[in-house]
PDB file of N, CA and C in Angstrom:
ATOM      1  N   UNK A   1     116.111  78.615 137.415  1.00  0.00           N
ATOM      2  CA  UNK A   1     114.833  79.052 137.436  1.00  0.00           C
ATOM      3  C   UNK A   1     114.108  78.126 138.386  1.00  0.00           C
ATOM      4  N   UNK A   2     112.898  79.527 138.875  1.00  0.00           N
ATOM      5  CA  UNK A   2     112.242  79.348 140.161  1.00  0.00           C
ATOM      6  C   UNK A   2     110.961  78.510 139.688  1.00  0.00           C
ATOM      7  N   UNK A   3     110.123  78.007 140.394  1.00  0.00           N
ATOM      8  CA  UNK A   3     108.871  77.379 140.405  1.00  0.00           C
ATOM      9  C   UNK A   3     107.801  78.170 139.600  1.00  0.00           C
ATOM     10  N   UNK A   4     107.074  78.218 138.863  1.00  0.00           N
ATOM     11  CA  UNK A   4     105.801  79.089 138.338  1.00  0.00           C
ATOM     12  C   UNK A   4     104.967  78.984 139.358  1.00  0.00           C
ATOM     13  N   UNK A   5     104.483  80.180 139.962  1.00  0.00           N
ATOM     14  CA  UNK A   5     103.355  79.801 140.868  1.00  0.00           C
ATOM     15  C   UNK A   5     101.915  80.341 140.349  1.00  0.00           C
ATOM     16  N   UNK A   6     100.887  79.234 140.581  1.00  0.00           N
ATOM     17  CA  UNK A   6      99.783  79.291 139.647  1.00  0.00           C
ATOM     18  C   UNK A   6      98.608  79.905 140.578  1.00  0.00           C
ATOM     19  N   UNK A   7      97.854  80.842 140.259  1.00  0.00           N
ATOM     20  CA  UNK A   7      96.773  81.571 141.381  1.00  0.00           C
ATOM     21  C   UNK A   7      95.346  81.424 140.191  1.00  0.00           C
ATOM     22  N   UNK A   8      94.647  81.187 141.404  1.00  0.00           N
ATOM     23  CA  UNK A   8      93.115  80.976 140.877  1.00  0.00           C
ATOM     24  C   UNK A   8      92.486  82.107 140.812  1.00  0.00           C
ATOM     25  N   UNK A   9      92.738  83.684 141.018  1.00  0.00           N
ATOM     26  CA  UNK A   9      92.174  84.740 140.928  1.00  0.00           C
ATOM     27  C   UNK A   9      91.856  85.065 139.571  1.00  0.00           C
ATOM     28  N   UNK A  10      92.103  84.887 138.710  1.00  0.00           N
ATOM     29  CA  UNK A  10      91.642  85.469 137.519  1.00  0.00           C
ATOM     30  C   UNK A  10      90.812  84.333 136.781  1.00  0.00           C
ATOM     31  N   UNK A  11      90.554  83.430 137.311  1.00  0.00           N
ATOM     32  CA  UNK A  11      89.874  82.178 137.052  1.00  0.00           C
ATOM     33  C   UNK A  11      88.497  81.984 137.317  1.00  0.00           C
ATOM     34  N   UNK A  12      87.681  81.759 136.518  1.00  0.00           N
ATOM     35  CA  UNK A  12      86.242  81.692 136.862  1.00  0.00           C
ATOM     36  C   UNK A  12      85.953  79.928 137.589  1.00  0.00           C
ATOM     37  N   UNK A  13      86.670  79.201 137.604  1.00  0.00           N
ATOM     38  CA  UNK A  13      86.844  77.880 137.959  1.00  0.00           C
ATOM     39  C   UNK A  13      87.169  77.882 139.438  1.00  0.00           C
ATOM     40  N   UNK A  14      86.661  77.161 140.465  1.00  0.00           N
ATOM     41  CA  UNK A  14      86.483  77.004 141.619  1.00  0.00           C
ATOM     42  C   UNK A  14      87.520  76.163 141.969  1.00  0.00           C
ATOM     43  N   UNK A  15      87.516  75.346 143.140  1.00  0.00           N
ATOM     44  CA  UNK A  15      88.318  74.284 143.503  1.00  0.00           C
ATOM     45  C   UNK A  15      87.871  73.225 142.854  1.00  0.00           C
ATOM     46  N   UNK A  16      89.124  72.347 142.454  1.00  0.00           N
ATOM     47  CA  UNK A  16      88.674  71.046 141.702  1.00  0.00           C
ATOM     48  C   UNK A  16      88.364  71.367 140.624  1.00  0.00           C
ATOM     49  N   UNK A  17      88.572  72.532 139.871  1.00  0.00           N
ATOM     50  CA  UNK A  17      88.345  72.843 138.514  1.00  0.00           C
ATOM     51  C   UNK A  17      86.930  72.872 137.922  1.00  0.00           C
ATOM     52  N   UNK A  18      85.812  73.090 139.058  1.00  0.00           N
ATOM     53  CA  UNK A  18      84.728  73.044 138.316  1.00  0.00           C
ATOM     54  C   UNK A  18      84.435  74.349 138.372  1.00  0.00           C
ATOM     55  N   UNK A  19      83.255  74.683 137.246  1.00  0.00           N
ATOM     56  CA  UNK A  19      83.001  75.921 136.650  1.00  0.00           C
ATOM     57  C   UNK A  19      82.048  76.663 138.200  1.00  0.00           C
ATOM     58  N   UNK A  20      82.258  77.703 138.389  1.00  0.00           N
ATOM     59  CA  UNK A  20      81.502  78.331 139.227  1.00  0.00           C
ATOM     60  C   UNK A  20      81.623  77.495 140.973  1.00  0.00           C
ATOM     61  N   UNK A  21      82.365  76.973 141.185  1.00  0.00           N
ATOM     62  CA  UNK A  21      82.337  75.954 142.398  1.00  0.00           C
ATOM     63  C   UNK A  21      82.579  76.532 143.791  1.00  0.00           C
ATOM     64  N   UNK A  22      82.821  77.596 144.119  1.00  0.00           N
ATOM     65  CA  UNK A  22      82.543  78.428 145.289  1.00  0.00           C
ATOM     66  C   UNK A  22      81.524  79.182 145.400  1.00  0.00           C
ATOM     67  N   UNK A  23      80.429  79.310 143.907  1.00  0.00           N
ATOM     68  CA  UNK A  23      79.330  80.122 144.181  1.00  0.00           C
ATOM     69  C   UNK A  23      78.456  79.412 145.119  1.00  0.00           C
ATOM     70  N   UNK A  24      78.454  78.443 145.437  1.00  0.00           N
ATOM     71  CA  UNK A  24      76.862  78.215 146.271  1.00  0.00           C
ATOM     72  C   UNK A  24      77.157  78.258 147.498  1.00  0.00           C
ATOM     73  N   UNK A  25      78.618  78.103 147.840  1.00  0.00           N
ATOM     74  CA  UNK A  25      78.604  78.470 149.269  1.00  0.00           C
ATOM     75  C   UNK A  25      78.631  79.747 149.292  1.00  0.00           C
ATOM     76  N   UNK A  26      78.670  80.759 148.788  1.00  0.00           N
ATOM     77  CA  UNK A  26      78.621  82.595 148.838  1.00  0.00           C
ATOM     78  C   UNK A  26      77.195  82.617 148.909  1.00  0.00           C
ATOM     79  N   UNK A  27      76.112  81.545 148.557  1.00  0.00           N
ATOM     80  CA  UNK A  27      74.706  82.185 148.139  1.00  0.00           C
ATOM     81  C   UNK A  27      74.246  83.013 149.096  1.00  0.00           C
ATOM     82  N   UNK A  28      74.337  82.805 150.224  1.00  0.00           N
ATOM     83  CA  UNK A  28      73.490  83.235 151.363  1.00  0.00           C
ATOM     84  C   UNK A  28      74.183  84.335 152.073  1.00  0.00           C
ATOM     85  N   UNK A  29      75.298  84.780 151.640  1.00  0.00           N
ATOM     86  CA  UNK A  29      76.106  85.978 151.682  1.00  0.00           C
ATOM     87  C   UNK A  29      75.149  86.759 150.699  1.00  0.00           C
ATOM     88  N   UNK A  30      75.266  86.646 149.224  1.00  0.00           N
ATOM     89  CA  UNK A  30      74.818  87.051 148.117  1.00  0.00           C
ATOM     90  C   UNK A  30      73.219  87.729 148.474  1.00  0.00           C
ATOM     91  N   UNK A  31      72.402  86.572 148.839  1.00  0.00           N
ATOM     92  CA  UNK A  31      71.154  86.989 148.952  1.00  0.00           C
ATOM     93  C   UNK A  31      71.268  88.027 150.175  1.00  0.00           C
ATOM     94  N   UNK A  32      71.639  87.986 151.225  1.00  0.00           N
ATOM     95  CA  UNK A  32      71.462  89.439 152.346  1.00  0.00           C
ATOM     96  C   UNK A  32      72.206  90.407 151.779  1.00  0.00           C
ATOM     97  N   UNK A  33      73.218  90.209 150.716  1.00  0.00           N
ATOM     98  CA  UNK A  33      73.637  91.667 150.208  1.00  0.00           C
ATOM     99  C   UNK A  33      72.465  92.265 149.097  1.00  0.00           C
ATOM    100  N   UNK A  34      71.856  91.341 148.575  1.00  0.00           N
ATOM    101  CA  UNK A  34      70.732  91.830 147.781  1.00  0.00           C
ATOM    102  C   UNK A  34      69.585  92.128 148.422  1.00  0.00           C
ATOM    103  N   UNK A  35      69.215  91.402 149.416  1.00  0.00           N
ATOM    104  CA  UNK A  35      67.945  91.949 150.146  1.00  0.00           C
ATOM    105  C   UNK A  35      68.288  93.383 150.960  1.00  0.00           C
ATOM    106  N   UNK A  36      69.818  93.575 151.184  1.00  0.00           N
ATOM    107  CA  UNK A  36      69.622  94.816 152.278  1.00  0.00           C
ATOM    108  C   UNK A  36      69.827  95.975 150.978  1.00  0.00           C
ATOM    109  N   UNK A  37      70.144  95.638 150.209  1.00  0.00           N
ATOM    110  CA  UNK A  37      70.207  96.652 148.833  1.00  0.00           C
ATOM    111  C   UNK A  37      68.928  97.133 148.634  1.00  0.00           C
ATOM    112  N   UNK A  38      67.613  95.950 148.368  1.00  0.00           N
ATOM    113  CA  UNK A  38      66.769  96.110 148.105  1.00  0.00           C
ATOM    114  C   UNK A  38      65.671  97.146 149.358  1.00  0.00           C
ATOM    115  N   UNK A  39      66.035  96.620 150.348  1.00  0.00           N
ATOM    116  CA  UNK A  39      65.487  97.187 151.555  1.00  0.00           C
ATOM    117  C   UNK A  39      65.852  98.845 151.458  1.00  0.00           C
ATOM    118  N   UNK A  40      67.073  99.073 151.306  1.00  0.00           N
ATOM    119  CA  UNK A  40      67.621 100.390 151.343  1.00  0.00           C
ATOM    120  C   UNK A  40      67.234 101.323 150.356  1.00  0.00           C
ATOM    121  N   UNK A  41      67.056 100.633 148.761  1.00  0.00           N
ATOM    122  CA  UNK A  41      66.490 101.521 148.044  1.00  0.00           C
ATOM    123  C   UNK A  41      65.104 101.855 148.257  1.00  0.00           C
ATOM    124  N   UNK A  42      64.128 100.748 148.544  1.00  0.00           N
ATOM    125  CA  UNK A  42      63.012 100.862 148.915  1.00  0.00           C
ATOM    126  C   UNK A  42      62.486 101.903 149.970  1.00  0.00           C
ATOM    127  N   UNK A  43      63.065 101.638 151.017  1.00  0.00           N
ATOM    128  CA  UNK A  43      62.898 102.607 152.198  1.00  0.00           C
ATOM    129  C   UNK A  43      63.673 103.694 152.546  1.00  0.00           C
ATOM    130  N   UNK A  44      64.690 103.733 152.225  1.00  0.00           N
ATOM    131  CA  UNK A  44      65.602 105.226 152.311  1.00  0.00           C
ATOM    132  C   UNK A  44      65.478 105.784 151.195  1.00  0.00           C
ATOM    133  N   UNK A  45      66.123 105.525 150.028  1.00  0.00           N
ATOM    134  CA  UNK A  45      66.374 106.425 148.996  1.00  0.00           C
ATOM    135  C   UNK A  45      64.966 106.533 148.310  1.00  0.00           C
ATOM    136  N   UNK A  46      64.281 105.873 147.683  1.00  0.00           N
ATOM    137  CA  UNK A  46      63.136 106.324 147.201  1.00  0.00           C
ATOM    138  C   UNK A  46      62.062 107.522 147.984  1.00  0.00           C
ATOM    139  N   UNK A  47      61.935 107.164 149.468  1.00  0.00           N
ATOM    140  CA  UNK A  47      61.205 108.374 149.875  1.00  0.00           C
ATOM    141  C   UNK A  47      62.236 109.571 150.077  1.00  0.00           C
ATOM    142  N   UNK A  48      62.950 109.723 150.239  1.00  0.00           N
ATOM    143  CA  UNK A  48      63.722 111.039 150.161  1.00  0.00           C
ATOM    144  C   UNK A  48      64.254 111.248 148.940  1.00  0.00           C
ATOM    145  N   UNK A  49      64.157 110.896 147.782  1.00  0.00           N
ATOM    146  CA  UNK A  49      64.418 111.128 146.578  1.00  0.00           C
ATOM    147  C   UNK A  49      63.022 111.762 146.179  1.00  0.00           C
ATOM    148  N   UNK A  50      61.792 111.275 146.798  1.00  0.00           N
ATOM    149  CA  UNK A  50      60.541 111.472 145.999  1.00  0.00           C
ATOM    150  C   UNK A  50      60.186 112.802 147.151  1.00  0.00           C
ATOM    151  N   UNK A  51      60.871 112.937 148.120  1.00  0.00           N
ATOM    152  CA  UNK A  51      60.720 114.086 148.924  1.00  0.00           C
ATOM    153  C   UNK A  51      61.219 115.372 148.389  1.00  0.00           C
ATOM    154  N   UNK A  52      62.351 115.306 148.148  1.00  0.00           N
ATOM    155  CA  UNK A  52      63.278 116.268 147.422  1.00  0.00           C
ATOM    156  C   UNK A  52      62.628 116.669 146.076  1.00  0.00           C
ATOM    157  N   UNK A  53      62.258 115.759 145.361  1.00  0.00           N
ATOM    158  CA  UNK A  53      62.034 115.958 143.685  1.00  0.00           C
ATOM    159  C   UNK A  53      60.667 117.324 144.153  1.00  0.00           C
ATOM    160  N   UNK A  54      59.950 116.588 145.244  1.00  0.00           N
ATOM    161  CA  UNK A  54      58.637 117.412 145.679  1.00  0.00           C
ATOM    162  C   UNK A  54      58.995 119.140 146.021  1.00  0.00           C
ATOM    163  N   UNK A  55      59.908 118.888 146.819  1.00  0.00           N
ATOM    164  CA  UNK A  55      60.286 120.156 147.433  1.00  0.00           C
ATOM    165  C   UNK A  55      60.916 121.221 146.404  1.00  0.00           C
ATOM    166  N   UNK A  56      61.350 120.578 145.149  1.00  0.00           N
ATOM    167  CA  UNK A  56      61.943 121.549 144.187  1.00  0.00           C
ATOM    168  C   UNK A  56      60.969 121.574 143.061  1.00  0.00           C
ATOM    169  N   UNK A  57      60.232 121.218 143.124  1.00  0.00           N
ATOM    170  CA  UNK A  57      58.947 121.689 141.761  1.00  0.00           C
ATOM    171  C   UNK A  57      57.854 122.213 142.412  1.00  0.00           C
ATOM    172  N   UNK A  58      57.274 123.200 141.324  1.00  0.00           N
ATOM    173  CA  UNK A  58      56.053 123.778 141.485  1.00  0.00           C
ATOM    174  C   UNK A  58      54.854 123.105 141.290  1.00  0.00           C
ATOM    175  N   UNK A  59      53.660 123.799 141.605  1.00  0.00           N
ATOM    176  CA  UNK A  59      52.736 122.923 141.125  1.00  0.00           C
ATOM    177  C   UNK A  59      52.308 122.114 139.965  1.00  0.00           C
ATOM    178  N   UNK A  60      52.747 123.248 138.798  1.00  0.00           N
ATOM    179  CA  UNK A  60      52.750 122.819 137.607  1.00  0.00           C
ATOM    180  C   UNK A  60      54.001 122.275 136.717  1.00  0.00           C
ATOM    181  N   UNK A  61      55.193 121.710 137.911  1.00  0.00           N
ATOM    182  CA  UNK A  61      56.051 120.699 137.600  1.00  0.00           C
ATOM    183  C   UNK A  61      57.210 121.444 136.979  1.00  0.00           C
ATOM    184  N   UNK A  62      57.281 122.984 136.892  1.00  0.00           N
ATOM    185  CA  UNK A  62      58.531 123.861 137.096  1.00  0.00           C
ATOM    186  C   UNK A  62      59.776 123.676 137.941  1.00  0.00           C
ATOM    187  N   UNK A  63      60.871 123.928 137.892  1.00  0.00           N
ATOM    188  CA  UNK A  63      61.779 123.659 139.366  1.00  0.00           C
ATOM    189  C   UNK A  63      61.363 125.162 139.788  1.00  0.00           C
ATOM    190  N   UNK A  64      61.737 125.180 141.057  1.00  0.00           N
ATOM    191  CA  UNK A  64      61.324 126.294 141.756  1.00  0.00           C
ATOM    192  C   UNK A  64      62.343 126.341 143.437  1.00  0.00           C
ATOM    193  N   UNK A  65      63.191 127.474 143.022  1.00  0.00           N
ATOM    194  CA  UNK A  65      64.577 127.136 144.228  1.00  0.00           C
ATOM    195  C   UNK A  65      63.996 128.406 144.970  1.00  0.00           C
ATOM    196  N   UNK A  66      62.835 129.217 144.787  1.00  0.00           N
ATOM    197  CA  UNK A  66      62.798 130.977 145.543  1.00  0.00           C
ATOM    198  C   UNK A  66      61.800 130.458 146.694  1.00  0.00           C
ATOM    199  N   UNK A  67      61.384 128.946 146.796  1.00  0.00           N
ATOM    200  CA  UNK A  67      60.119 128.867 147.291  1.00  0.00           C
ATOM    201  C   UNK A  67      60.670 128.775 148.742  1.00  0.00           C
ATOM    202  N   UNK A  68      61.078 127.480 149.215  1.00  0.00           N
ATOM    203  CA  UNK A  68      61.864 127.030 150.759  1.00  0.00           C
ATOM    204  C   UNK A  68      63.180 127.219 150.885  1.00  0.00           C
ATOM    205  N   UNK A  69      63.983 126.993 149.751  1.00  0.00           N
ATOM    206  CA  UNK A  69      65.337 126.839 149.898  1.00  0.00           C
ATOM    207  C   UNK A  69      65.878 128.135 150.429  1.00  0.00           C
ATOM    208  N   UNK A  70      65.753 128.826 149.362  1.00  0.00           N
ATOM    209  CA  UNK A  70      66.048 130.392 149.454  1.00  0.00           C
ATOM    210  C   UNK A  70      65.724 131.174 150.753  1.00  0.00           C
ATOM    211  N   UNK A  71      64.252 131.365 151.112  1.00  0.00           N
ATOM    212  CA  UNK A  71      63.979 131.841 152.342  1.00  0.00           C
ATOM    213  C   UNK A  71      64.814 130.749 153.479  1.00  0.00           C
ATOM    214  N   UNK A  72      64.838 129.689 153.362  1.00  0.00           N
ATOM    215  CA  UNK A  72      65.565 128.946 154.428  1.00  0.00           C
ATOM    216  C   UNK A  72      66.612 129.219 154.989  1.00  0.00           C
ATOM    217  N   UNK A  73      67.716 129.566 153.717  1.00  0.00           N
ATOM    218  CA  UNK A  73      69.016 129.639 153.829  1.00  0.00           C
ATOM    219  C   UNK A  73      69.149 131.393 154.097  1.00  0.00           C
ATOM    220  N   UNK A  74      68.202 132.316 153.968  1.00  0.00           N
ATOM    221  CA  UNK A  74      68.369 133.516 154.345  1.00  0.00           C
ATOM    222  C   UNK A  74      68.305 133.471 155.945  1.00  0.00           C
ATOM    223  N   UNK A  75      67.835 132.693 156.552  1.00  0.00           N
ATOM    224  CA  UNK A  75      67.687 132.851 157.903  1.00  0.00           C
ATOM    225  C   UNK A  75      68.808 132.458 158.880  1.00  0.00           C
ATOM    226  N   UNK A  76      69.589 133.243 159.591  1.00  0.00           N
ATOM    227  CA  UNK A  76      70.989 133.226 160.035  1.00  0.00           C
ATOM    228  C   UNK A  76      70.937 131.305 160.673  1.00  0.00           C
ATOM    229  N   UNK A  77      69.729 131.361 161.648  1.00  0.00           N
ATOM    230  CA  UNK A  77      70.038 129.912 162.299  1.00  0.00           C
ATOM    231  C   UNK A  77      69.910 128.811 161.833  1.00  0.00           C
ATOM    232  N   UNK A  78      68.783 128.547 160.319  1.00  0.00           N
ATOM    233  CA  UNK A  78      68.753 127.703 159.640  1.00  0.00           C
ATOM    234  C   UNK A  78      70.237 127.368 158.733  1.00  0.00           C
ATOM    235  N   UNK A  79      70.853 128.717 158.427  1.00  0.00           N
ATOM    236  CA  UNK A  79      71.832 128.239 157.670  1.00  0.00           C
ATOM    237  C   UNK A  79      72.971 127.535 158.319  1.00  0.00           C
ATOM    238  N   UNK A  80      72.857 128.404 159.525  1.00  0.00           N
ATOM    239  CA  UNK A  80      74.008 127.549 160.845  1.00  0.00           C
ATOM    240  C   UNK A  80      73.928 126.094 160.858  1.00  0.00           C
ATOM    241  N   UNK A  81      72.458 125.748 161.218  1.00  0.00           N
ATOM    242  CA  UNK A  81      72.382 124.392 160.919  1.00  0.00           C
ATOM    243  C   UNK A  81      72.423 123.466 159.742  1.00  0.00           C
ATOM    244  N   UNK A  82      72.252 124.189 158.428  1.00  0.00           N
ATOM    245  CA  UNK A  82      72.648 123.127 157.426  1.00  0.00           C
ATOM    246  C   UNK A  82      74.320 123.224 157.591  1.00  0.00           C
ATOM    247  N   UNK A  83      74.969 124.383 157.822  1.00  0.00           N
ATOM    248  CA  UNK A  83      76.557 124.000 157.592  1.00  0.00           C
ATOM    249  C   UNK A  83      76.709 123.092 158.846  1.00  0.00           C
ATOM    250  N   UNK A  84      76.291 123.031 160.123  1.00  0.00           N
ATOM    251  CA  UNK A  84      76.804 121.918 161.139  1.00  0.00           C
ATOM    252  C   UNK A  84      76.890 120.512 160.663  1.00  0.00           C
ATOM    253  N   UNK A  85      75.238 120.644 159.779  1.00  0.00           N
ATOM    254  CA  UNK A  85      74.962 119.274 159.758  1.00  0.00           C
ATOM    255  C   UNK A  85      75.900 118.510 158.410  1.00  0.00           C
ATOM    256  N   UNK A  86      76.282 119.438 157.444  1.00  0.00           N
ATOM    257  CA  UNK A  86      77.299 119.327 156.561  1.00  0.00           C
ATOM    258  C   UNK A  86      78.893 118.989 157.204  1.00  0.00           C
ATOM    259  N   UNK A  87      79.120 119.662 157.776  1.00  0.00           N
ATOM    260  CA  UNK A  87      80.520 119.502 158.626  1.00  0.00           C
ATOM    261  C   UNK A  87      80.461 118.215 159.161  1.00  0.00           C
ATOM    262  N   UNK A  88      79.240 118.036 160.065  1.00  0.00           N
ATOM    263  CA  UNK A  88      79.362 116.450 160.978  1.00  0.00           C
ATOM    264  C   UNK A  88      79.152 115.054 159.669  1.00  0.00           C
ATOM    265  N   UNK A  89      78.183 115.607 158.545  1.00  0.00           N
ATOM    266  CA  UNK A  89      78.412 114.765 157.770  1.00  0.00           C
ATOM    267  C   UNK A  89      80.044 114.101 156.938  1.00  0.00           C
ATOM    268  N   UNK A  90      80.662 115.093 156.916  1.00  0.00           N
ATOM    269  CA  UNK A  90      82.128 114.973 156.340  1.00  0.00           C
ATOM    270  C   UNK A  90      82.376 114.409 157.528  1.00  0.00           C
ATOM    271  N   UNK A  91      82.685 114.851 158.845  1.00  0.00           N
ATOM    272  CA  UNK A  91      83.749 114.439 159.657  1.00  0.00           C
ATOM    273  C   UNK A  91      83.227 112.904 159.901  1.00  0.00           C
ATOM    274  N   UNK A  92      82.325 112.775 159.945  1.00  0.00           N
ATOM    275  CA  UNK A  92      81.758 111.138 160.132  1.00  0.00           C
ATOM    276  C   UNK A  92      82.158 110.363 158.869  1.00  0.00           C
ATOM    277  N   UNK A  93      82.192 110.947 157.945  1.00  0.00           N
ATOM    278  CA  UNK A  93      82.368 110.104 156.585  1.00  0.00           C
ATOM    279  C   UNK A  93      83.991 109.814 156.563  1.00  0.00           C
ATOM    280  N   UNK A  94      84.534 110.672 156.561  1.00  0.00           N
ATOM    281  CA  UNK A  94      86.278 110.542 156.941  1.00  0.00           C
ATOM    282  C   UNK A  94      86.685 109.621 157.894  1.00  0.00           C
ATOM    283  N   UNK A  95      85.911 109.714 158.917  1.00  0.00           N
ATOM    284  CA  UNK A  95      86.407 108.497 159.895  1.00  0.00           C
ATOM    285  C   UNK A  95      85.986 107.429 159.748  1.00  0.00           C
ATOM    286  N   UNK A  96      84.616 107.050 159.031  1.00  0.00           N
ATOM    287  CA  UNK A  96      84.449 105.914 158.789  1.00  0.00           C
ATOM    288  C   UNK A  96      85.004 104.971 157.500  1.00  0.00           C
ATOM    289  N   UNK A  97      85.596 106.066 156.683  1.00  0.00           N
ATOM    290  CA  UNK A  97      86.459 105.646 155.664  1.00  0.00           C
ATOM    291  C   UNK A  97      87.690 105.055 156.313  1.00  0.00           C
ATOM    292  N   UNK A  98      88.287 105.900 156.770  1.00  0.00           N
ATOM    293  CA  UNK A  98      89.786 105.716 157.613  1.00  0.00           C
ATOM    294  C   UNK A  98      89.483 104.565 158.171  1.00  0.00           C
ATOM    295  N   UNK A  99      88.677 104.335 159.365  1.00  0.00           N
ATOM    296  CA  UNK A  99      88.413 102.897 159.742  1.00  0.00           C
ATOM    297  C   UNK A  99      88.271 101.570 159.049  1.00  0.00           C
ATOM    298  N   UNK A 100      87.400 101.738 157.947  1.00  0.00           N
ATOM    299  CA  UNK A 100      87.369 100.727 156.918  1.00  0.00           C
ATOM    300  C   UNK A 100      88.569 100.171 156.122  1.00  0.00           C
ATOM    301  N   UNK A 101      89.397 101.263 155.892  1.00  0.00           N
ATOM    302  CA  UNK A 101      90.334 101.080 155.089  1.00  0.00           C
ATOM    303  C   UNK A 101      91.385 100.340 155.935  1.00  0.00           C
ATOM    304  N   UNK A 102      91.296 100.793 157.398  1.00  0.00           N
ATOM    305  CA  UNK A 102      92.179 100.161 158.269  1.00  0.00           C
ATOM    306  C   UNK A 102      92.241  98.676 158.593  1.00  0.00           C
ATOM    307  N   UNK A 103      90.854  98.374 158.795  1.00  0.00           N
ATOM    308  CA  UNK A 103      90.224  97.489 159.165  1.00  0.00           C
ATOM    309  C   UNK A 103      90.460  96.395 157.509  1.00  0.00           C
ATOM    310  N   UNK A 104      90.341  96.848 156.628  1.00  0.00           N
ATOM    311  CA  UNK A 104      90.464  96.130 155.021  1.00  0.00           C
ATOM    312  C   UNK A 104      91.946  95.719 154.826  1.00  0.00           C
ATOM    313  N   UNK A 105      92.733  96.592 155.514  1.00  0.00           N
ATOM    314  CA  UNK A 105      94.080  96.442 155.608  1.00  0.00           C
ATOM    315  C   UNK A 105      94.741  95.271 156.403  1.00  0.00           C
ATOM    316  N   UNK A 106      93.887  95.175 157.495  1.00  0.00           N
ATOM    317  CA  UNK A 106      94.414  94.329 158.184  1.00  0.00           C
ATOM    318  C   UNK A 106      93.967  92.906 158.110  1.00  0.00           C
ATOM    319  N   UNK A 107      92.920  92.600 157.190  1.00  0.00           N
ATOM    320  CA  UNK A 107      92.193  91.650 156.927  1.00  0.00           C
ATOM    321  C   UNK A 107      92.993  90.915 155.675  1.00  0.00           C
ATOM    322  N   UNK A 108      93.661  92.147 154.876  1.00  0.00           N
ATOM    323  CA  UNK A 108      94.130  91.309 153.971  1.00  0.00           C
ATOM    324  C   UNK A 108      96.016  90.898 154.095  1.00  0.00           C
ATOM    325  N   UNK A 109      96.102  91.435 155.335  1.00  0.00           N
ATOM    326  CA  UNK A 109      97.532  91.302 155.249  1.00  0.00           C
ATOM    327  C   UNK A 109      98.097  90.416 156.606  1.00  0.00           C
ATOM    328  N   UNK A 110      96.889  90.227 157.203  1.00  0.00           N
ATOM    329  CA  UNK A 110      97.290  89.010 158.467  1.00  0.00           C
ATOM    330  C   UNK A 110      96.112  88.077 158.493  1.00  0.00           C
ATOM    331  N   UNK A 111      96.625  87.159 159.002  1.00  0.00           N
ATOM    332  CA  UNK A 111      95.976  85.977 158.932  1.00  0.00           C
ATOM    333  C   UNK A 111      94.862  86.316 160.119  1.00  0.00           C
ATOM    334  N   UNK A 112      93.452  86.341 160.211  1.00  0.00           N
ATOM    335  CA  UNK A 112      92.932  86.545 161.242  1.00  0.00           C
ATOM    336  C   UNK A 112      91.694  85.138 161.288  1.00  0.00           C
ATOM    337  N   UNK A 113      91.654  84.849 162.487  1.00  0.00           N
ATOM    338  CA  UNK A 113      90.757  83.343 162.618  1.00  0.00           C
ATOM    339  C   UNK A 113      89.008  84.167 162.193  1.00  0.00           C
ATOM    340  N   UNK A 114      88.433  83.139 161.570  1.00  0.00           N
ATOM    341  CA  UNK A 114      87.122  83.350 161.237  1.00  0.00           C
ATOM    342  C   UNK A 114      86.843  84.410 159.733  1.00  0.00           C
ATOM    343  N   UNK A 115      87.939  84.148 158.718  1.00  0.00           N
ATOM    344  CA  UNK A 115      88.007  84.808 157.738  1.00  0.00           C
ATOM    345  C   UNK A 115      87.515  83.806 156.544  1.00  0.00           C
ATOM    346  N   UNK A 116      87.440  82.524 156.972  1.00  0.00           N
ATOM    347  CA  UNK A 116      86.891  81.543 155.909  1.00  0.00           C
ATOM    348  C   UNK A 116      85.236  81.669 155.504  1.00  0.00           C
ATOM    349  N   UNK A 117      84.558  82.325 156.319  1.00  0.00           N
ATOM    350  CA  UNK A 117      82.947  82.621 156.363  1.00  0.00           C
ATOM    351  C   UNK A 117      83.065  83.484 155.344  1.00  0.00           C
ATOM    352  N   UNK A 118      83.869  84.585 155.385  1.00  0.00           N
ATOM    353  CA  UNK A 118      83.638  85.956 153.828  1.00  0.00           C
ATOM    354  C   UNK A 118      84.427  85.116 152.744  1.00  0.00           C
ATOM    355  N   UNK A 119      85.519  84.541 152.719  1.00  0.00           N
ATOM    356  CA  UNK A 119      86.621  83.994 151.882  1.00  0.00           C
ATOM    357  C   UNK A 119      86.035  82.642 151.148  1.00  0.00           C
ATOM    358  N   UNK A 120      84.944  82.131 151.855  1.00  0.00           N
ATOM    359  CA  UNK A 120      84.876  80.693 151.419  1.00  0.00           C
ATOM    360  C   UNK A 120      85.372  79.820 151.252  1.00  0.00           C
TER     361      UNK A 120
END
């Protein structure tokens, strides 16, 4: 019989058996992530969402697609512009996801210098 291999992956205890042992070391990274998320929501998602809602509603608050959207899509030039934007967004998303997957794979499969900062 071989030796049993113990893993700390499913445990809430950090090094030395203390509960939450590595949490304090990752606190600056957590603060950056939370700060960037708040910034993204406040200054990107909320303004874009409010513009979208305002563009879809009439003055009385009823849903109105006949206003600008349908008129815009009837014009060939604007329809082509929307199509080009969607193609570009899809292409960039596929390329970025592929690169992120490749980098994530490399960081998990190979020993790279500087990973202690992210792994704690």
